[in-house]
Amino acid sequence: MEGDAVSVSRVLTQIEGEPADVLAAAQAAVAAPAGLGTIASYATEVALPATGTWSNPGKGGAQADIVIAAPEDGVPLLFVEIDNCYESPQVLAAKIDKYMRFCQRKVKDVDGKERPMWRTRWWVPDGRRHDQPHPPLLLVFNRVGPRNPNTVIAQLAELTRRHWQGEAYGDGFHMYDGKLPIVVTGMKQLQEHGPAGAVFRRFGRPQNQTLLEAIGNPRREAHDARQQAESAAREREYKEQLRRVAEQRRAEREAPRPVCAGCGSRFTDARWKAIAPAGWDAPRETHPHLCGDCKQRALTAERQAEHQEQTVPEQKAGGTWLSRFRS
């Protein structure tokens, strides 16, 4: 932000001495709210053919005053129609019919698959849960002519209801699959507040929103977020239940595991199996109360004791014979 301020100050310094109207225009441009995308994001007078081709459009299509493609700012595709308040609601409704015909038109893409024609030129993320509305249309009313835009907007909303009205869902949101989102604003409000200002009214909604909210579906997104959170919580609870069941079963399996009488450690699985009752002809386990290590130490001690018992009588017998020989 500091770098931007320095850059703006440098620009204003460079035009010092220019006429007052030039300075005022420059100052207004500097003070204007941030817009969308870059110059490359905008195209004007774009034909949207309902028949024919991109380069040779036929009759029945629309012509957008502006097309904005700024996915980096959350606006992958937006058609803009400027109205100077000379046209009637019926004329505007006829224009919207043309937009709808274009959006509904499908053609074969380069891969041979049939897609909406607009998708062969612009990229837009696919909708989720089968909710794929058409690209939104923004109507900007510039109050130059004699018509009251508020009256025109109310009539236009009724005339085009079939194009924009979504399907209500129980959780307080609508789905707009195959519908044309129509958003309106005023030129003055747009200039003063920019796309981040709550100056946009989408047909069918009771309050103004920012542009991203108006062309999007915040309530459905909130619903999806809640569902995802609930699903994640259920998944965590399920895993916790599995962990508790596994822990309980492990505890039940471990409860009867023998404990070594020598060192106090629990028997290994192999040692536990070794002391388990076997067939009548199986060799008897000699130290069932000891773990494997303690058993080995016990066997070693027993062998040493036996060896000592065998050695001591021989020494005693030898000593008696030697004493007799000397006498």
C-alpha atoms as a PDB file:
ATOM      1  CA  MET A   1       0.000   0.000   0.000  1.00  0.00           C
ATOM      2  CA  GLU A   2       2.833   2.387   0.802  1.00  0.00           C
ATOM      3  CA  GLY A   3       4.389   1.702  -2.616  1.00  0.00           C
ATOM      4  CA  ASP A   4       1.047   2.422  -4.284  1.00  0.00           C
ATOM      5  CA  ALA A   5       0.780   5.742  -2.432  1.00  0.00           C
ATOM      6  CA  VAL A   6       4.273   6.729  -3.573  1.00  0.00           C
ATOM      7  CA  SER A   7       3.429   5.783  -7.169  1.00  0.00           C
ATOM      8  CA  VAL A   8       0.186   7.776  -7.107  1.00  0.00           C
ATOM      9  CA  SER A   9       1.980  10.785  -5.623  1.00  0.00           C
ATOM     10  CA  ARG A  10       4.600  10.593  -8.389  1.00  0.00           C
ATOM     11  CA  VAL A  11       1.896  10.521 -11.083  1.00  0.00           C
ATOM     12  CA  LEU A  12       0.097  13.523  -9.619  1.00  0.00           C
ATOM     13  CA  THR A  13       3.396  15.402  -9.353  1.00  0.00           C
ATOM     14  CA  GLN A  14       4.103  14.779 -13.028  1.00  0.00           C
ATOM     15  CA  ILE A  15       0.870  16.473 -14.150  1.00  0.00           C
ATOM     16  CA  GLU A  16       1.288  19.584 -12.052  1.00  0.00           C
ATOM     17  CA  GLY A  17       0.555  22.693 -14.108  1.00  0.00           C
ATOM     18  CA  GLU A  18      -2.105  20.946 -16.219  1.00  0.00           C
ATOM     19  CA  PRO A  19      -5.584  22.504 -16.498  1.00  0.00           C
ATOM     20  CA  ALA A  20      -7.875  22.186 -13.499  1.00  0.00           C
ATOM     21  CA  ASP A  21     -10.230  19.724 -15.201  1.00  0.00           C
ATOM     22  CA  VAL A  22      -7.315  17.400 -16.035  1.00  0.00           C
ATOM     23  CA  LEU A  23      -6.091  17.552 -12.447  1.00  0.00           C
ATOM     24  CA  ALA A  24      -9.604  16.887 -11.164  1.00  0.00           C
ATOM     25  CA  ALA A  25     -10.036  13.897 -13.471  1.00  0.00           C
ATOM     26  CA  ALA A  26      -6.687  12.483 -12.402  1.00  0.00           C
ATOM     27  CA  GLN A  27      -7.496  12.972  -8.738  1.00  0.00           C
ATOM     28  CA  ALA A  28     -10.874  11.297  -9.229  1.00  0.00           C
ATOM     29  CA  ALA A  29      -9.221   8.346 -10.940  1.00  0.00           C
ATOM     30  CA  VAL A  30      -6.778   8.001  -8.061  1.00  0.00           C
ATOM     31  CA  ALA A  31      -9.542   8.177  -5.464  1.00  0.00           C
ATOM     32  CA  ALA A  32     -11.815   5.736  -7.305  1.00  0.00           C
ATOM     33  CA  PRO A  33     -12.418   2.326  -5.719  1.00  0.00           C
ATOM     34  CA  ALA A  34     -10.522  -0.675  -6.994  1.00  0.00           C
ATOM     35  CA  GLY A  35     -11.956  -2.335 -10.070  1.00  0.00           C
ATOM     36  CA  LEU A  36     -11.791  -5.819 -11.552  1.00  0.00           C
ATOM     37  CA  GLY A  37      -8.995  -7.459 -13.491  1.00  0.00           C
ATOM     38  CA  THR A  38      -6.778  -5.635 -15.968  1.00  0.00           C
ATOM     39  CA  ILE A  39      -7.285  -4.004 -19.334  1.00  0.00           C
ATOM     40  CA  ALA A  40      -6.909  -7.440 -20.907  1.00  0.00           C
ATOM     41  CA  SER A  41      -9.908  -8.631 -18.853  1.00  0.00           C
ATOM     42  CA  TYR A  42     -12.282  -6.394 -20.828  1.00  0.00           C
ATOM     43  CA  ALA A  43     -13.776  -6.638 -24.303  1.00  0.00           C
ATOM     44  CA  THR A  44     -16.425  -4.336 -25.763  1.00  0.00           C
ATOM     45  CA  GLU A  45     -19.210  -4.811 -28.301  1.00  0.00           C
ATOM     46  CA  VAL A  46     -18.912  -8.595 -28.199  1.00  0.00           C
ATOM     47  CA  ALA A  47     -21.292 -10.537 -30.423  1.00  0.00           C
ATOM     48  CA  LEU A  48     -23.027 -13.449 -28.696  1.00  0.00           C
ATOM     49  CA  PRO A  49     -24.492 -15.424 -31.592  1.00  0.00           C
ATOM     50  CA  ALA A  50     -27.647 -17.483 -31.217  1.00  0.00           C
ATOM     51  CA  THR A  51     -27.026 -18.611 -34.802  1.00  0.00           C
ATOM     52  CA  GLY A  52     -24.016 -18.476 -37.057  1.00  0.00           C
ATOM     53  CA  THR A  53     -20.451 -18.376 -35.789  1.00  0.00           C
ATOM     54  CA  TRP A  54     -18.292 -16.156 -33.630  1.00  0.00           C
ATOM     55  CA  SER A  55     -16.844 -14.412 -36.656  1.00  0.00           C
ATOM     56  CA  ASN A  56     -20.074 -14.379 -38.633  1.00  0.00           C
ATOM     57  CA  PRO A  57     -22.982 -14.218 -36.172  1.00  0.00           C
ATOM     58  CA  GLY A  58     -26.510 -14.763 -37.419  1.00  0.00           C
ATOM     59  CA  LYS A  59     -29.787 -13.231 -36.322  1.00  0.00           C
ATOM     60  CA  GLY A  60     -31.329 -13.595 -32.906  1.00  0.00           C
ATOM     61  CA  GLY A  61     -28.205 -13.178 -30.819  1.00  0.00           C
ATOM     62  CA  ALA A  62     -27.136 -10.539 -28.339  1.00  0.00           C
ATOM     63  CA  GLN A  63     -24.292  -8.063 -28.346  1.00  0.00           C
ATOM     64  CA  ALA A  64     -22.755  -7.367 -24.965  1.00  0.00           C
ATOM     65  CA  ASP A  65     -21.592  -3.830 -24.344  1.00  0.00           C
ATOM     66  CA  ILE A  66     -18.788  -5.223 -22.179  1.00  0.00           C
ATOM     67  CA  VAL A  67     -17.560  -8.721 -21.359  1.00  0.00           C
ATOM     68  CA  ILE A  68     -15.398  -9.069 -18.250  1.00  0.00           C
ATOM     69  CA  ALA A  69     -13.272 -12.171 -17.697  1.00  0.00           C
ATOM     70  CA  ALA A  70     -11.365 -11.733 -14.431  1.00  0.00           C
ATOM     71  CA  PRO A  71     -11.185 -15.121 -12.699  1.00  0.00           C
ATOM     72  CA  GLU A  72      -8.301 -13.883 -10.558  1.00  0.00           C
ATOM     73  CA  ASP A  73     -10.778 -11.494  -8.906  1.00  0.00           C
ATOM     74  CA  GLY A  74     -13.586 -14.027  -8.588  1.00  0.00           C
ATOM     75  CA  VAL A  75     -15.390 -13.014 -11.800  1.00  0.00           C
ATOM     76  CA  PRO A  76     -14.679 -15.695 -14.416  1.00  0.00           C
ATOM     77  CA  LEU A  77     -17.231 -14.277 -16.863  1.00  0.00           C
ATOM     78  CA  LEU A  78     -19.641 -11.358 -16.677  1.00  0.00           C
ATOM     79  CA  PHE A  79     -21.756  -9.821 -19.434  1.00  0.00           C
ATOM     80  CA  VAL A  80     -22.438  -6.091 -18.970  1.00  0.00           C
ATOM     81  CA  GLU A  81     -25.235  -4.101 -20.581  1.00  0.00           C
ATOM     82  CA  ILE A  82     -25.282  -0.304 -20.200  1.00  0.00           C
ATOM     83  CA  ASP A  83     -28.679   1.385 -20.330  1.00  0.00           C
ATOM     84  CA  ASN A  84     -29.009   5.173 -20.558  1.00  0.00           C
ATOM     85  CA  CYS A  85     -32.643   5.080 -19.438  1.00  0.00           C
ATOM     86  CA  TYR A  86     -34.136   5.547 -22.897  1.00  0.00           C
ATOM     87  CA  GLU A  87     -35.327   1.972 -23.502  1.00  0.00           C
ATOM     88  CA  SER A  88     -38.538   0.466 -22.189  1.00  0.00           C
ATOM     89  CA  PRO A  89     -38.669  -2.627 -19.974  1.00  0.00           C
ATOM     90  CA  GLN A  90     -40.047  -4.579 -22.932  1.00  0.00           C
ATOM     91  CA  VAL A  91     -37.073  -3.672 -25.139  1.00  0.00           C
ATOM     92  CA  LEU A  92     -34.657  -4.671 -22.377  1.00  0.00           C
ATOM     93  CA  ALA A  93     -36.574  -7.909 -21.823  1.00  0.00           C
ATOM     94  CA  ALA A  94     -36.174  -8.714 -25.511  1.00  0.00           C
ATOM     95  CA  LYS A  95     -32.425  -8.187 -25.149  1.00  0.00           C
ATOM     96  CA  ILE A  96     -32.358 -10.570 -22.195  1.00  0.00           C
ATOM     97  CA  ASP A  97     -34.222 -13.143 -24.304  1.00  0.00           C
ATOM     98  CA  LYS A  98     -31.321 -12.935 -26.771  1.00  0.00           C
ATOM     99  CA  TYR A  99     -28.771 -13.419 -24.001  1.00  0.00           C
ATOM    100  CA  MET A 100     -30.689 -16.480 -22.878  1.00  0.00           C
ATOM    101  CA  ARG A 101     -30.792 -17.936 -26.407  1.00  0.00           C
ATOM    102  CA  PHE A 102     -27.058 -17.502 -26.697  1.00  0.00           C
ATOM    103  CA  CYS A 103     -26.372 -19.065 -23.278  1.00  0.00           C
ATOM    104  CA  GLN A 104     -28.563 -22.060 -24.109  1.00  0.00           C
ATOM    105  CA  ARG A 105     -26.911 -22.661 -27.468  1.00  0.00           C
ATOM    106  CA  LYS A 106     -24.680 -25.726 -27.672  1.00  0.00           C
ATOM    107  CA  VAL A 107     -22.046 -26.543 -30.284  1.00  0.00           C
ATOM    108  CA  LYS A 108     -19.403 -29.184 -30.786  1.00  0.00           C
ATOM    109  CA  ASP A 109     -16.079 -28.246 -29.260  1.00  0.00           C
ATOM    110  CA  VAL A 110     -12.651 -29.065 -30.724  1.00  0.00           C
ATOM    111  CA  ASP A 111     -12.707 -32.431 -28.925  1.00  0.00           C
ATOM    112  CA  GLY A 112     -15.990 -33.355 -30.614  1.00  0.00           C
ATOM    113  CA  LYS A 113     -18.045 -33.013 -27.419  1.00  0.00           C
ATOM    114  CA  GLU A 114     -21.091 -30.806 -27.310  1.00  0.00           C
ATOM    115  CA  ARG A 115     -20.838 -27.857 -24.919  1.00  0.00           C
ATOM    116  CA  PRO A 116     -22.509 -24.479 -24.384  1.00  0.00           C
ATOM    117  CA  MET A 117     -21.097 -22.190 -27.035  1.00  0.00           C
ATOM    118  CA  TRP A 118     -19.810 -19.676 -24.501  1.00  0.00           C
ATOM    119  CA  ARG A 119     -17.660 -22.388 -22.882  1.00  0.00           C
ATOM    120  CA  THR A 120     -15.741 -22.787 -26.137  1.00  0.00           C
ATOM    121  CA  ARG A 121     -14.454 -19.236 -25.720  1.00  0.00           C
ATOM    122  CA  TRP A 122     -14.343 -18.559 -21.981  1.00  0.00           C
ATOM    123  CA  TRP A 123     -13.381 -20.694 -19.007  1.00  0.00           C
ATOM    124  CA  VAL A 124     -15.712 -20.874 -16.008  1.00  0.00           C
ATOM    125  CA  PRO A 125     -15.532 -23.425 -13.164  1.00  0.00           C
ATOM    126  CA  ASP A 126     -18.179 -26.117 -13.301  1.00  0.00           C
ATOM    127  CA  GLY A 127     -21.026 -25.741 -10.815  1.00  0.00           C
ATOM    128  CA  ARG A 128     -21.357 -28.119  -7.885  1.00  0.00           C
ATOM    129  CA  ARG A 129     -24.297 -30.386  -7.104  1.00  0.00           C
ATOM    130  CA  HIS A 130     -25.607 -30.057 -10.682  1.00  0.00           C
ATOM    131  CA  ASP A 131     -26.114 -26.311 -10.151  1.00  0.00           C
ATOM    132  CA  GLN A 132     -24.752 -24.698 -13.314  1.00  0.00           C
ATOM    133  CA  PRO A 133     -26.252 -21.284 -13.977  1.00  0.00           C
ATOM    134  CA  HIS A 134     -25.452 -19.353 -17.118  1.00  0.00           C
ATOM    135  CA  PRO A 135     -22.890 -16.528 -16.944  1.00  0.00           C
ATOM    136  CA  PRO A 136     -24.386 -13.541 -15.077  1.00  0.00           C
ATOM    137  CA  LEU A 137     -25.638 -10.395 -16.764  1.00  0.00           C
ATOM    138  CA  LEU A 138     -25.006  -7.018 -15.127  1.00  0.00           C
ATOM    139  CA  LEU A 139     -27.323  -4.155 -16.140  1.00  0.00           C
ATOM    140  CA  VAL A 140     -25.815  -0.742 -15.352  1.00  0.00           C
ATOM    141  CA  PHE A 141     -28.366   2.083 -15.490  1.00  0.00           C
ATOM    142  CA  ASN A 142     -26.917   5.473 -16.402  1.00  0.00           C
ATOM    143  CA  ARG A 143     -29.607   8.024 -15.619  1.00  0.00           C
ATOM    144  CA  VAL A 144     -29.372  10.193 -18.730  1.00  0.00           C
ATOM    145  CA  GLY A 145     -32.712   9.557 -20.434  1.00  0.00           C
ATOM    146  CA  PRO A 146     -36.239  10.247 -19.184  1.00  0.00           C
ATOM    147  CA  ARG A 147     -37.085   6.813 -17.782  1.00  0.00           C
ATOM    148  CA  ASN A 148     -36.975   6.079 -14.053  1.00  0.00           C
ATOM    149  CA  PRO A 149     -34.607   3.130 -13.613  1.00  0.00           C
ATOM    150  CA  ASN A 150     -36.384   1.942 -10.464  1.00  0.00           C
ATOM    151  CA  THR A 151     -39.674   1.586 -12.366  1.00  0.00           C
ATOM    152  CA  VAL A 152     -37.934  -0.064 -15.312  1.00  0.00           C
ATOM    153  CA  ILE A 153     -36.115  -2.526 -13.046  1.00  0.00           C
ATOM    154  CA  ALA A 154     -39.317  -3.615 -11.285  1.00  0.00           C
ATOM    155  CA  GLN A 155     -41.122  -4.249 -14.583  1.00  0.00           C
ATOM    156  CA  LEU A 156     -38.093  -5.913 -16.143  1.00  0.00           C
ATOM    157  CA  ALA A 157     -37.788  -8.349 -13.248  1.00  0.00           C
ATOM    158  CA  GLU A 158     -41.371  -9.499 -13.799  1.00  0.00           C
ATOM    159  CA  LEU A 159     -40.988  -9.759 -17.577  1.00  0.00           C
ATOM    160  CA  THR A 160     -37.863 -11.942 -17.281  1.00  0.00           C
ATOM    161  CA  ARG A 161     -38.759 -14.008 -14.198  1.00  0.00           C
ATOM    162  CA  ARG A 162     -38.686 -17.277 -16.144  1.00  0.00           C
ATOM    163  CA  HIS A 163     -35.048 -16.643 -17.005  1.00  0.00           C
ATOM    164  CA  TRP A 164     -33.648 -15.864 -13.551  1.00  0.00           C
ATOM    165  CA  GLN A 165     -35.912 -17.378 -10.889  1.00  0.00           C
ATOM    166  CA  GLY A 166     -34.232 -20.262  -9.069  1.00  0.00           C
ATOM    167  CA  GLU A 167     -35.624 -23.304  -7.317  1.00  0.00           C
ATOM    168  CA  ALA A 168     -36.040 -22.854  -3.559  1.00  0.00           C
ATOM    169  CA  TYR A 169     -34.541 -25.388  -1.160  1.00  0.00           C
ATOM    170  CA  GLY A 170     -35.530 -26.006   2.433  1.00  0.00           C
ATOM    171  CA  ASP A 171     -32.322 -24.633   3.923  1.00  0.00           C
ATOM    172  CA  GLY A 172     -33.016 -21.073   2.766  1.00  0.00           C
ATOM    173  CA  PHE A 173     -31.149 -21.021  -0.534  1.00  0.00           C
ATOM    174  CA  HIS A 174     -31.945 -21.389  -4.226  1.00  0.00           C
ATOM    175  CA  MET A 175     -30.450 -23.430  -7.042  1.00  0.00           C
ATOM    176  CA  TYR A 176     -30.044 -21.749 -10.420  1.00  0.00           C
ATOM    177  CA  ASP A 177     -29.270 -24.582 -12.794  1.00  0.00           C
ATOM    178  CA  GLY A 178     -29.880 -23.362 -16.340  1.00  0.00           C
ATOM    179  CA  LYS A 179     -30.892 -19.890 -15.160  1.00  0.00           C
ATOM    180  CA  LEU A 180     -29.493 -16.461 -16.083  1.00  0.00           C
ATOM    181  CA  PRO A 181     -28.428 -14.441 -13.015  1.00  0.00           C
ATOM    182  CA  ILE A 182     -29.463 -10.815 -13.645  1.00  0.00           C
ATOM    183  CA  VAL A 183     -27.904  -8.083 -11.499  1.00  0.00           C
ATOM    184  CA  VAL A 184     -28.612  -4.350 -11.647  1.00  0.00           C
ATOM    185  CA  THR A 185     -26.836  -1.251 -10.350  1.00  0.00           C
ATOM    186  CA  GLY A 186     -26.505   2.438 -11.127  1.00  0.00           C
ATOM    187  CA  MET A 187     -23.588   4.069 -12.888  1.00  0.00           C
ATOM    188  CA  LYS A 188     -23.157   6.644 -10.128  1.00  0.00           C
ATOM    189  CA  GLN A 189     -23.161   4.006  -7.371  1.00  0.00           C
ATOM    190  CA  LEU A 190     -20.726   1.872  -9.351  1.00  0.00           C
ATOM    191  CA  GLN A 191     -18.341   4.791  -9.796  1.00  0.00           C
ATOM    192  CA  GLU A 192     -18.515   5.726  -6.124  1.00  0.00           C
ATOM    193  CA  HIS A 193     -18.280   2.294  -4.534  1.00  0.00           C
ATOM    194  CA  GLY A 194     -16.825  -0.071  -7.126  1.00  0.00           C
ATOM    195  CA  PRO A 195     -17.504  -3.829  -7.220  1.00  0.00           C
ATOM    196  CA  ALA A 196     -16.770  -4.210  -3.493  1.00  0.00           C
ATOM    197  CA  GLY A 197     -19.595  -1.868  -2.532  1.00  0.00           C
ATOM    198  CA  ALA A 198     -23.022  -3.207  -1.616  1.00  0.00           C
ATOM    199  CA  VAL A 199     -24.728  -1.460  -4.559  1.00  0.00           C
ATOM    200  CA  PHE A 200     -25.790  -4.471  -6.644  1.00  0.00           C
ATOM    201  CA  ARG A 201     -29.288  -5.965  -6.593  1.00  0.00           C
ATOM    202  CA  ARG A 202     -29.867  -9.392  -8.049  1.00  0.00           C
ATOM    203  CA  PHE A 203     -33.336 -10.147  -9.318  1.00  0.00           C
ATOM    204  CA  GLY A 204     -35.148 -12.221  -6.733  1.00  0.00           C
ATOM    205  CA  ARG A 205     -33.142 -11.002  -3.729  1.00  0.00           C
ATOM    206  CA  PRO A 206     -34.416  -8.421  -1.253  1.00  0.00           C
ATOM    207  CA  GLN A 207     -31.207  -6.548  -0.470  1.00  0.00           C
ATOM    208  CA  ASN A 208     -28.168  -5.029  -2.129  1.00  0.00           C
ATOM    209  CA  GLN A 209     -24.933  -6.987  -2.149  1.00  0.00           C
ATOM    210  CA  THR A 210     -21.375  -6.704  -3.369  1.00  0.00           C
ATOM    211  CA  LEU A 211     -20.826  -7.843  -6.938  1.00  0.00           C
ATOM    212  CA  LEU A 212     -19.266 -11.164  -5.914  1.00  0.00           C
ATOM    213  CA  GLU A 213     -22.179 -11.896  -3.599  1.00  0.00           C
ATOM    214  CA  ALA A 214     -24.739 -10.854  -6.197  1.00  0.00           C
ATOM    215  CA  ILE A 215     -23.375 -13.038  -8.991  1.00  0.00           C
ATOM    216  CA  GLY A 216     -22.678 -15.896  -6.587  1.00  0.00           C
ATOM    217  CA  ASN A 217     -24.803 -17.953  -4.225  1.00  0.00           C
ATOM    218  CA  PRO A 218     -23.636 -17.169  -0.663  1.00  0.00           C
ATOM    219  CA  ARG A 219     -26.493 -18.979   1.056  1.00  0.00           C
ATOM    220  CA  ARG A 220     -25.857 -22.164  -0.851  1.00  0.00           C
ATOM    221  CA  GLU A 221     -22.139 -21.847  -0.168  1.00  0.00           C
ATOM    222  CA  ALA A 222     -22.908 -21.455   3.539  1.00  0.00           C
ATOM    223  CA  HIS A 223     -25.199 -24.488   3.320  1.00  0.00           C
ATOM    224  CA  ASP A 224     -22.474 -26.500   1.612  1.00  0.00           C
ATOM    225  CA  ALA A 225     -19.942 -25.397   4.222  1.00  0.00           C
ATOM    226  CA  ARG A 226     -22.281 -26.520   7.014  1.00  0.00           C
ATOM    227  CA  GLN A 227     -22.850 -29.850   5.314  1.00  0.00           C
ATOM    228  CA  GLN A 228     -19.134 -30.362   4.860  1.00  0.00           C
ATOM    229  CA  ALA A 229     -18.501 -29.469   8.498  1.00  0.00           C
ATOM    230  CA  GLU A 230     -21.267 -31.818   9.643  1.00  0.00           C
ATOM    231  CA  SER A 231     -19.965 -34.570   7.369  1.00  0.00           C
ATOM    232  CA  ALA A 232     -16.436 -34.086   8.716  1.00  0.00           C
ATOM    233  CA  ALA A 233     -17.793 -34.187  12.280  1.00  0.00           C
ATOM    234  CA  ARG A 234     -19.681 -37.413  11.551  1.00  0.00           C
ATOM    235  CA  GLU A 235     -16.573 -38.895  10.005  1.00  0.00           C
ATOM    236  CA  ARG A 236     -14.521 -37.969  13.070  1.00  0.00           C
ATOM    237  CA  GLU A 237     -17.176 -39.429  15.382  1.00  0.00           C
ATOM    238  CA  TYR A 238     -17.308 -42.643  13.330  1.00  0.00           C
ATOM    239  CA  LYS A 239     -13.538 -43.012  13.492  1.00  0.00           C
ATOM    240  CA  GLU A 240     -13.642 -42.349  17.234  1.00  0.00           C
ATOM    241  CA  GLN A 241     -16.283 -45.055  17.649  1.00  0.00           C
ATOM    242  CA  LEU A 242     -14.135 -47.488  15.690  1.00  0.00           C
ATOM    243  CA  ARG A 243     -11.158 -46.560  17.863  1.00  0.00           C
ATOM    244  CA  ARG A 244     -13.152 -47.119  21.065  1.00  0.00           C
ATOM    245  CA  VAL A 245     -14.471 -50.482  19.838  1.00  0.00           C
ATOM    246  CA  ALA A 246     -10.972 -51.568  18.828  1.00  0.00           C
ATOM    247  CA  GLU A 247      -9.620 -50.425  22.201  1.00  0.00           C
ATOM    248  CA  GLN A 248     -12.337 -52.316  24.045  1.00  0.00           C
ATOM    249  CA  ARG A 249     -11.703 -55.485  22.066  1.00  0.00           C
ATOM    250  CA  ARG A 250      -7.971 -55.166  22.639  1.00  0.00           C
ATOM    251  CA  ALA A 251      -8.581 -54.741  26.375  1.00  0.00           C
ATOM    252  CA  GLU A 252     -10.826 -57.816  26.381  1.00  0.00           C
ATOM    253  CA  ARG A 253      -8.156 -59.820  24.592  1.00  0.00           C
ATOM    254  CA  GLU A 254      -5.438 -58.609  26.943  1.00  0.00           C
ATOM    255  CA  ALA A 255      -7.339 -59.161  30.193  1.00  0.00           C
ATOM    256  CA  PRO A 256      -6.549 -62.923  30.477  1.00  0.00           C
ATOM    257  CA  ARG A 257      -2.953 -62.584  29.247  1.00  0.00           C
ATOM    258  CA  PRO A 258      -0.675 -64.223  31.878  1.00  0.00           C
ATOM    259  CA  VAL A 259       1.837 -62.207  33.893  1.00  0.00           C
ATOM    260  CA  CYS A 260       5.288 -63.602  34.575  1.00  0.00           C
ATOM    261  CA  ALA A 261       5.753 -64.674  38.196  1.00  0.00           C
ATOM    262  CA  GLY A 262       9.415 -63.803  37.940  1.00  0.00           C
ATOM    263  CA  CYS A 263       9.683 -60.350  36.379  1.00  0.00           C
ATOM    264  CA  GLY A 264       6.026 -59.244  36.286  1.00  0.00           C
ATOM    265  CA  SER A 265       5.918 -58.660  32.508  1.00  0.00           C
ATOM    266  CA  ARG A 266       3.050 -59.852  30.348  1.00  0.00           C
ATOM    267  CA  PHE A 267       3.585 -62.912  28.205  1.00  0.00           C
ATOM    268  CA  THR A 268       4.249 -62.427  24.524  1.00  0.00           C
ATOM    269  CA  ASP A 269       1.782 -63.950  22.084  1.00  0.00           C
ATOM    270  CA  ALA A 270       4.229 -66.766  21.313  1.00  0.00           C
ATOM    271  CA  ARG A 271       4.797 -67.530  25.010  1.00  0.00           C
ATOM    272  CA  TRP A 272       1.093 -67.391  25.746  1.00  0.00           C
ATOM    273  CA  LYS A 273       0.451 -69.848  22.961  1.00  0.00           C
ATOM    274  CA  ALA A 274       3.267 -72.117  24.205  1.00  0.00           C
ATOM    275  CA  ILE A 275       1.676 -72.602  27.648  1.00  0.00           C
ATOM    276  CA  ALA A 276      -1.824 -73.157  26.274  1.00  0.00           C
ATOM    277  CA  PRO A 277      -3.238 -76.677  26.804  1.00  0.00           C
ATOM    278  CA  ALA A 278      -2.305 -79.008  23.971  1.00  0.00           C
ATOM    279  CA  GLY A 279      -2.978 -82.614  23.011  1.00  0.00           C
ATOM    280  CA  TRP A 280      -2.325 -85.507  25.427  1.00  0.00           C
ATOM    281  CA  ASP A 281       0.826 -86.489  23.584  1.00  0.00           C
ATOM    282  CA  ALA A 282       2.312 -82.947  23.560  1.00  0.00           C
ATOM    283  CA  PRO A 283       5.281 -82.336  25.869  1.00  0.00           C
ATOM    284  CA  ARG A 284       4.360 -80.711  29.189  1.00  0.00           C
ATOM    285  CA  GLU A 285       5.375 -77.102  29.707  1.00  0.00           C
ATOM    286  CA  THR A 286       7.869 -77.065  32.564  1.00  0.00           C
ATOM    287  CA  HIS A 287       7.554 -73.429  33.625  1.00  0.00           C
ATOM    288  CA  PRO A 288       4.068 -72.201  32.677  1.00  0.00           C
ATOM    289  CA  HIS A 289       4.212 -69.373  35.209  1.00  0.00           C
ATOM    290  CA  LEU A 290       7.354 -67.784  33.713  1.00  0.00           C
ATOM    291  CA  CYS A 291       7.900 -65.686  30.578  1.00  0.00           C
ATOM    292  CA  GLY A 292      10.353 -66.875  27.943  1.00  0.00           C
ATOM    293  CA  ASP A 293      13.386 -65.020  29.344  1.00  0.00           C
ATOM    294  CA  CYS A 294      12.704 -66.018  32.936  1.00  0.00           C
ATOM    295  CA  LYS A 295      12.164 -69.618  31.839  1.00  0.00           C
ATOM    296  CA  GLN A 296      15.575 -69.660  30.171  1.00  0.00           C
ATOM    297  CA  ARG A 297      17.201 -68.235  33.290  1.00  0.00           C
ATOM    298  CA  ALA A 298      15.390 -70.784  35.423  1.00  0.00           C
ATOM    299  CA  LEU A 299      16.504 -73.666  33.188  1.00  0.00           C
ATOM    300  CA  THR A 300      20.087 -72.397  33.271  1.00  0.00           C
ATOM    301  CA  ALA A 301      19.986 -72.184  37.057  1.00  0.00           C
ATOM    302  CA  GLU A 302      18.543 -75.690  37.315  1.00  0.00           C
ATOM    303  CA  ARG A 303      21.240 -77.129  35.060  1.00  0.00           C
ATOM    304  CA  GLN A 304      23.943 -75.410  37.101  1.00  0.00           C
ATOM    305  CA  ALA A 305      22.462 -76.778  40.315  1.00  0.00           C
ATOM    306  CA  GLU A 306      22.348 -80.305  38.903  1.00  0.00           C
ATOM    307  CA  HIS A 307      25.954 -79.996  37.783  1.00  0.00           C
ATOM    308  CA  GLN A 308      27.030 -78.920  41.264  1.00  0.00           C
ATOM    309  CA  GLU A 309      25.151 -81.788  42.875  1.00  0.00           C
ATOM    310  CA  GLN A 310      26.963 -84.271  40.632  1.00  0.00           C
ATOM    311  CA  THR A 311      30.376 -82.715  41.276  1.00  0.00           C
ATOM    312  CA  VAL A 312      30.319 -82.510  45.103  1.00  0.00           C
ATOM    313  CA  PRO A 313      29.943 -86.309  45.850  1.00  0.00           C
ATOM    314  CA  GLU A 314      32.836 -87.118  43.505  1.00  0.00           C
ATOM    315  CA  GLN A 315      35.057 -84.642  45.319  1.00  0.00           C
ATOM    316  CA  LYS A 316      34.071 -86.120  48.684  1.00  0.00           C
ATOM    317  CA  ALA A 317      34.743 -89.669  47.551  1.00  0.00           C
ATOM    318  CA  GLY A 318      38.131 -88.762  46.102  1.00  0.00           C
ATOM    319  CA  GLY A 319      39.197 -87.012  49.303  1.00  0.00           C
ATOM    320  CA  THR A 320      38.450 -90.063  51.479  1.00  0.00           C
ATOM    321  CA  TRP A 321      40.561 -92.405  49.302  1.00  0.00           C
ATOM    322  CA  LEU A 322      43.507 -89.992  49.334  1.00  0.00           C
ATOM    323  CA  SER A 323      43.459 -89.725  53.114  1.00  0.00           C
ATOM    324  CA  ARG A 324      43.525 -93.487  53.495  1.00  0.00           C
ATOM    325  CA  PHE A 325      46.413 -93.820  51.095  1.00  0.00           C
ATOM    326  CA  ARG A 326      48.482 -91.351  53.100  1.00  0.00           C
ATOM    327  CA  SER A 327      47.843 -93.068  56.417  1.00  0.00           C
END
